[in-house]
C-alpha atoms as a PDB file:
ATOM      1  CA  UNK A   1      71.316  73.494 251.651  1.00  0.00           C
ATOM      2  CA  UNK A   2      70.024  69.908 252.272  1.00  0.00           C
ATOM      3  CA  UNK A   3      72.840  68.113 251.068  1.00  0.00           C
ATOM      4  CA  UNK A   4      76.212  70.305 250.016  1.00  0.00           C
ATOM      5  CA  UNK A   5      78.112  68.011 248.262  1.00  0.00           C
ATOM      6  CA  UNK A   6      75.168  66.632 246.191  1.00  0.00           C
ATOM      7  CA  UNK A   7      74.621  70.277 245.166  1.00  0.00           C
ATOM      8  CA  UNK A   8      78.402  70.753 244.785  1.00  0.00           C
ATOM      9  CA  UNK A   9      77.850  68.159 242.035  1.00  0.00           C
ATOM     10  CA  UNK A  10      75.258  69.746 240.330  1.00  0.00           C
ATOM     11  CA  UNK A  11      77.020  72.833 239.929  1.00  0.00           C
ATOM     12  CA  UNK A  12      80.026  71.045 238.736  1.00  0.00           C
ATOM     13  CA  UNK A  13      77.958  69.015 236.390  1.00  0.00           C
ATOM     14  CA  UNK A  14      76.344  72.587 235.168  1.00  0.00           C
ATOM     15  CA  UNK A  15      79.519  73.741 234.375  1.00  0.00           C
ATOM     16  CA  UNK A  16      80.555  70.578 232.236  1.00  0.00           C
ATOM     17  CA  UNK A  17      77.362  71.233 230.308  1.00  0.00           C
ATOM     18  CA  UNK A  18      78.070  74.763 229.667  1.00  0.00           C
ATOM     19  CA  UNK A  19      81.227  73.757 227.817  1.00  0.00           C
ATOM     20  CA  UNK A  20      83.304  74.733 230.958  1.00  0.00           C
ATOM     21  CA  UNK A  21      86.260  72.597 232.429  1.00  0.00           C
ATOM     22  CA  UNK A  22      85.644  72.247 236.242  1.00  0.00           C
ATOM     23  CA  UNK A  23      88.877  71.128 237.153  1.00  0.00           C
ATOM     24  CA  UNK A  24      90.748  74.386 235.844  1.00  0.00           C
ATOM     25  CA  UNK A  25      92.100  76.459 238.381  1.00  0.00           C
ATOM     26  CA  UNK A  26      89.505  79.343 238.320  1.00  0.00           C
ATOM     27  CA  UNK A  27      86.740  76.825 238.645  1.00  0.00           C
ATOM     28  CA  UNK A  28      88.058  74.047 241.141  1.00  0.00           C
ATOM     29  CA  UNK A  29      86.239  75.757 244.103  1.00  0.00           C
ATOM     30  CA  UNK A  30      83.401  77.335 242.264  1.00  0.00           C
ATOM     31  CA  UNK A  31      80.888  74.778 243.404  1.00  0.00           C
ATOM     32  CA  UNK A  32      81.434  75.173 246.720  1.00  0.00           C
ATOM     33  CA  UNK A  33      81.443  79.377 246.561  1.00  0.00           C
ATOM     34  CA  UNK A  34      78.311  78.917 244.588  1.00  0.00           C
ATOM     35  CA  UNK A  35      76.495  76.560 247.194  1.00  0.00           C
ATOM     36  CA  UNK A  36      77.664  79.002 249.920  1.00  0.00           C
ATOM     37  CA  UNK A  37      76.511  81.762 248.444  1.00  0.00           C
ATOM     38  CA  UNK A  38      73.089  80.502 247.638  1.00  0.00           C
ATOM     39  CA  UNK A  39      72.958  79.374 251.061  1.00  0.00           C
ATOM     40  CA  UNK A  40      73.505  83.373 252.024  1.00  0.00           C
ATOM     41  CA  UNK A  41      71.228  84.413 249.537  1.00  0.00           C
ATOM     42  CA  UNK A  42      68.439  82.018 250.434  1.00  0.00           C
ATOM     43  CA  UNK A  43      68.963  82.389 254.376  1.00  0.00           C
ATOM     44  CA  UNK A  44      65.525  84.034 254.683  1.00  0.00           C
ATOM     45  CA  UNK A  45      63.911  80.586 253.906  1.00  0.00           C
ATOM     46  CA  UNK A  46      65.129  79.213 257.550  1.00  0.00           C
ATOM     47  CA  UNK A  47      63.896  82.641 259.181  1.00  0.00           C
ATOM     48  CA  UNK A  48      60.257  83.284 260.536  1.00  0.00           C
ATOM     49  CA  UNK A  49      58.857  86.920 261.203  1.00  0.00           C
ATOM     50  CA  UNK A  50      59.233  85.969 264.895  1.00  0.00           C
ATOM     51  CA  UNK A  51      62.921  85.607 264.424  1.00  0.00           C
ATOM     52  CA  UNK A  52      63.245  88.646 262.529  1.00  0.00           C
ATOM     53  CA  UNK A  53      61.314  90.612 265.369  1.00  0.00           C
ATOM     54  CA  UNK A  54      62.378  88.853 268.519  1.00  0.00           C
ATOM     55  CA  UNK A  55      61.387  91.324 271.453  1.00  0.00           C
ATOM     56  CA  UNK A  56      61.270  94.120 269.200  1.00  0.00           C
ATOM     57  CA  UNK A  57      57.295  95.341 269.610  1.00  0.00           C
ATOM     58  CA  UNK A  58      56.494  97.884 272.181  1.00  0.00           C
ATOM     59  CA  UNK A  59      53.297  99.166 274.018  1.00  0.00           C
ATOM     60  CA  UNK A  60      53.030 102.788 273.088  1.00  0.00           C
ATOM     61  CA  UNK A  61      50.395 105.244 272.420  1.00  0.00           C
ATOM     62  CA  UNK A  62      51.334 106.753 269.145  1.00  0.00           C
ATOM     63  CA  UNK A  63      48.826 107.482 266.289  1.00  0.00           C
ATOM     64  CA  UNK A  64      51.100 109.094 263.954  1.00  0.00           C
ATOM     65  CA  UNK A  65      52.521 107.429 260.370  1.00  0.00           C
ATOM     66  CA  UNK A  66      55.784 105.802 261.070  1.00  0.00           C
ATOM     67  CA  UNK A  67      57.887 105.578 257.813  1.00  0.00           C
ATOM     68  CA  UNK A  68      60.992 103.945 257.252  1.00  0.00           C
ATOM     69  CA  UNK A  69      62.535 104.576 253.734  1.00  0.00           C
ATOM     70  CA  UNK A  70      65.038 103.084 251.675  1.00  0.00           C
ATOM     71  CA  UNK A  71      65.554  99.688 253.137  1.00  0.00           C
ATOM     72  CA  UNK A  72      68.152  98.103 250.666  1.00  0.00           C
ATOM     73  CA  UNK A  73      67.528  94.492 249.753  1.00  0.00           C
ATOM     74  CA  UNK A  74      69.011  91.746 247.431  1.00  0.00           C
ATOM     75  CA  UNK A  75      66.708  88.785 246.073  1.00  0.00           C
ATOM     76  CA  UNK A  76      66.632  86.007 243.776  1.00  0.00           C
ATOM     77  CA  UNK A  77      64.252  85.797 241.164  1.00  0.00           C
ATOM     78  CA  UNK A  78      62.372  82.506 241.123  1.00  0.00           C
ATOM     79  CA  UNK A  79      61.774  82.277 237.712  1.00  0.00           C
ATOM     80  CA  UNK A  80      65.417  82.608 236.289  1.00  0.00           C
ATOM     81  CA  UNK A  81      67.386  82.557 239.669  1.00  0.00           C
ATOM     82  CA  UNK A  82      68.724  86.044 238.911  1.00  0.00           C
ATOM     83  CA  UNK A  83      69.155  88.768 241.000  1.00  0.00           C
ATOM     84  CA  UNK A  84      66.796  91.582 241.819  1.00  0.00           C
ATOM     85  CA  UNK A  85      67.201  94.351 244.006  1.00  0.00           C
ATOM     86  CA  UNK A  86      66.397  97.627 245.449  1.00  0.00           C
ATOM     87  CA  UNK A  87      64.573  99.885 247.968  1.00  0.00           C
ATOM     88  CA  UNK A  88      61.656  98.984 250.230  1.00  0.00           C
ATOM     89  CA  UNK A  89      59.449 101.692 251.717  1.00  0.00           C
ATOM     90  CA  UNK A  90      57.421 100.874 254.745  1.00  0.00           C
ATOM     91  CA  UNK A  91      54.981 102.800 256.786  1.00  0.00           C
ATOM     92  CA  UNK A  92      52.450 102.050 259.346  1.00  0.00           C
ATOM     93  CA  UNK A  93      49.844 103.686 261.672  1.00  0.00           C
ATOM     94  CA  UNK A  94      50.475 102.434 265.225  1.00  0.00           C
ATOM     95  CA  UNK A  95      47.236 101.346 267.242  1.00  0.00           C
ATOM     96  CA  UNK A  96      48.804 100.444 270.595  1.00  0.00           C
ATOM     97  CA  UNK A  97      52.108  98.746 269.596  1.00  0.00           C
ATOM     98  CA  UNK A  98      55.107 100.012 267.614  1.00  0.00           C
ATOM     99  CA  UNK A  99      58.164  98.185 266.270  1.00  0.00           C
ATOM    100  CA  UNK A 100      61.535  98.680 266.475  1.00  0.00           C
ATOM    101  CA  UNK A 101      62.540 100.653 263.416  1.00  0.00           C
ATOM    102  CA  UNK A 102      65.403  98.014 262.681  1.00  0.00           C
ATOM    103  CA  UNK A 103      62.785  95.339 262.674  1.00  0.00           C
ATOM    104  CA  UNK A 104      61.612  96.583 259.656  1.00  0.00           C
ATOM    105  CA  UNK A 105      64.596  95.642 257.753  1.00  0.00           C
ATOM    106  CA  UNK A 106      64.807  92.733 259.188  1.00  0.00           C
ATOM    107  CA  UNK A 107      61.231  91.483 258.427  1.00  0.00           C
ATOM    108  CA  UNK A 108      62.219  92.653 254.734  1.00  0.00           C
ATOM    109  CA  UNK A 109      65.261  90.441 254.970  1.00  0.00           C
ATOM    110  CA  UNK A 110      63.028  87.260 255.827  1.00  0.00           C
ATOM    111  CA  UNK A 111      61.164  87.682 252.413  1.00  0.00           C
ATOM    112  CA  UNK A 112      63.978  89.025 250.364  1.00  0.00           C
ATOM    113  CA  UNK A 113      66.494  86.352 251.213  1.00  0.00           C
ATOM    114  CA  UNK A 114      64.879  83.616 249.364  1.00  0.00           C
ATOM    115  CA  UNK A 115      63.598  82.663 246.017  1.00  0.00           C
ATOM    116  CA  UNK A 116      61.358  85.125 245.150  1.00  0.00           C
ATOM    117  CA  UNK A 117      58.849  87.291 242.988  1.00  0.00           C
ATOM    118  CA  UNK A 118      58.690  91.063 243.724  1.00  0.00           C
ATOM    119  CA  UNK A 119      54.807  91.140 243.928  1.00  0.00           C
ATOM    120  CA  UNK A 120      54.673  88.428 246.521  1.00  0.00           C
ATOM    121  CA  UNK A 121      57.735  89.888 248.853  1.00  0.00           C
ATOM    122  CA  UNK A 122      55.956  93.129 248.611  1.00  0.00           C
ATOM    123  CA  UNK A 123      52.545  91.755 249.981  1.00  0.00           C
ATOM    124  CA  UNK A 124      54.296  89.215 252.562  1.00  0.00           C
ATOM    125  CA  UNK A 125      56.355  92.276 254.043  1.00  0.00           C
ATOM    126  CA  UNK A 126      52.896  94.200 254.499  1.00  0.00           C
ATOM    127  CA  UNK A 127      50.975  91.552 255.856  1.00  0.00           C
ATOM    128  CA  UNK A 128      53.706  90.713 258.475  1.00  0.00           C
ATOM    129  CA  UNK A 129      53.920  94.279 259.840  1.00  0.00           C
ATOM    130  CA  UNK A 130      50.224  94.131 259.960  1.00  0.00           C
ATOM    131  CA  UNK A 131      50.172  90.450 261.918  1.00  0.00           C
ATOM    132  CA  UNK A 132      52.968  91.841 264.347  1.00  0.00           C
ATOM    133  CA  UNK A 133      51.435  94.960 265.640  1.00  0.00           C
ATOM    134  CA  UNK A 134      48.008  95.463 264.286  1.00  0.00           C
ATOM    135  CA  UNK A 135      47.808  98.642 263.170  1.00  0.00           C
ATOM    136  CA  UNK A 136      45.416 101.069 261.870  1.00  0.00           C
ATOM    137  CA  UNK A 137      47.282 100.307 258.419  1.00  0.00           C
ATOM    138  CA  UNK A 138      50.239  99.532 256.482  1.00  0.00           C
ATOM    139  CA  UNK A 139      51.783 100.763 253.168  1.00  0.00           C
ATOM    140  CA  UNK A 140      54.766  99.185 251.323  1.00  0.00           C
ATOM    141  CA  UNK A 141      56.319 100.245 248.085  1.00  0.00           C
ATOM    142  CA  UNK A 142      59.179  98.456 246.447  1.00  0.00           C
ATOM    143  CA  UNK A 143      61.273  99.467 243.765  1.00  0.00           C
ATOM    144  CA  UNK A 144      63.584  96.908 242.076  1.00  0.00           C
ATOM    145  CA  UNK A 145      65.611  96.591 239.287  1.00  0.00           C
ATOM    146  CA  UNK A 146      65.825  92.625 238.118  1.00  0.00           C
ATOM    147  CA  UNK A 147      68.969  91.447 236.074  1.00  0.00           C
ATOM    148  CA  UNK A 148      66.592  89.335 234.287  1.00  0.00           C
ATOM    149  CA  UNK A 149      65.123  92.092 232.453  1.00  0.00           C
ATOM    150  CA  UNK A 150      68.617  93.875 232.497  1.00  0.00           C
ATOM    151  CA  UNK A 151      71.122  91.052 231.348  1.00  0.00           C
ATOM    152  CA  UNK A 152      69.167  88.734 229.123  1.00  0.00           C
ATOM    153  CA  UNK A 153      66.150  88.674 227.365  1.00  0.00           C
ATOM    154  CA  UNK A 154      64.839  92.239 226.627  1.00  0.00           C
ATOM    155  CA  UNK A 155      67.815  93.586 228.203  1.00  0.00           C
ATOM    156  CA  UNK A 156      66.830  97.047 229.660  1.00  0.00           C
ATOM    157  CA  UNK A 157      68.952  98.286 231.900  1.00  0.00           C
ATOM    158  CA  UNK A 158      67.509 101.397 233.220  1.00  0.00           C
ATOM    159  CA  UNK A 159      64.191  99.707 233.787  1.00  0.00           C
ATOM    160  CA  UNK A 160      62.645  99.526 237.335  1.00  0.00           C
ATOM    161  CA  UNK A 161      59.614  97.897 239.143  1.00  0.00           C
ATOM    162  CA  UNK A 162      57.276  99.423 241.394  1.00  0.00           C
ATOM    163  CA  UNK A 163      55.097  97.332 243.442  1.00  0.00           C
ATOM    164  CA  UNK A 164      52.716  98.248 246.425  1.00  0.00           C
ATOM    165  CA  UNK A 165      50.570  96.661 248.877  1.00  0.00           C
ATOM    166  CA  UNK A 166      48.212  99.038 251.086  1.00  0.00           C
ATOM    167  CA  UNK A 167      46.325  97.522 254.018  1.00  0.00           C
ATOM    168  CA  UNK A 168      43.727  99.156 256.543  1.00  0.00           C
ATOM    169  CA  UNK A 169      43.758 103.077 256.456  1.00  0.00           C
ATOM    170  CA  UNK A 170      46.215 103.202 253.512  1.00  0.00           C
ATOM    171  CA  UNK A 171      43.734 101.200 251.399  1.00  0.00           C
ATOM    172  CA  UNK A 172      40.444 103.065 252.778  1.00  0.00           C
ATOM    173  CA  UNK A 173      41.619 106.742 253.416  1.00  0.00           C
ATOM    174  CA  UNK A 174      42.555 108.643 250.526  1.00  0.00           C
ATOM    175  CA  UNK A 175      44.234 111.085 252.467  1.00  0.00           C
ATOM    176  CA  UNK A 176      46.564 108.495 254.349  1.00  0.00           C
ATOM    177  CA  UNK A 177      47.446 106.866 251.066  1.00  0.00           C
ATOM    178  CA  UNK A 178      48.145 110.346 249.653  1.00  0.00           C
ATOM    179  CA  UNK A 179      50.579 111.218 252.588  1.00  0.00           C
ATOM    180  CA  UNK A 180      52.375 108.098 252.315  1.00  0.00           C
ATOM    181  CA  UNK A 181      52.735 108.011 248.462  1.00  0.00           C
ATOM    182  CA  UNK A 182      53.680 111.893 248.613  1.00  0.00           C
ATOM    183  CA  UNK A 183      56.454 111.475 251.213  1.00  0.00           C
ATOM    184  CA  UNK A 184      57.893 108.325 248.991  1.00  0.00           C
ATOM    185  CA  UNK A 185      57.675 110.711 245.787  1.00  0.00           C
ATOM    186  CA  UNK A 186      59.531 113.474 247.574  1.00  0.00           C
ATOM    187  CA  UNK A 187      62.484 110.745 247.758  1.00  0.00           C
ATOM    188  CA  UNK A 188      62.620 110.575 243.931  1.00  0.00           C
ATOM    189  CA  UNK A 189      62.804 114.030 242.872  1.00  0.00           C
END
């Protein structure tokens, strides 16, 4: 947050506009808590993929698919500033380099921990993996629940949204795409 005191003042004003008394016991420290929470929830805005990957790229002759499933994430919808959360599945086929497995989760956090839309986040994760290790292909599938659909508007609590981004062999080779999507489908049954 650029100016925490100014931001706290805005939260205090919002509470007043909602008809609340920001000086009542339960709300006195709420503006500071909200700002601290948003600092944490949007920490990805201050990170780069290079920060997340660090020295986690390794020269390795490997030509089989690498898949990390069920990477949990939490994000904030930029349209309503409400949370959305779910799981990311990331696969790639190495060319000459592999990525430390935890780095895929860290790349996910770089893009999830910011004001975001799921569609863009999915593509950003795939493109980041492509840029970092130059694999033969990358596949990313994100399955998420959105509070903007669950708590307001249509109020559909059991809905989820799936997005995918397929690059290289995952886009051009039907067998590779099918293997990847089949491995993910097996998770859901």
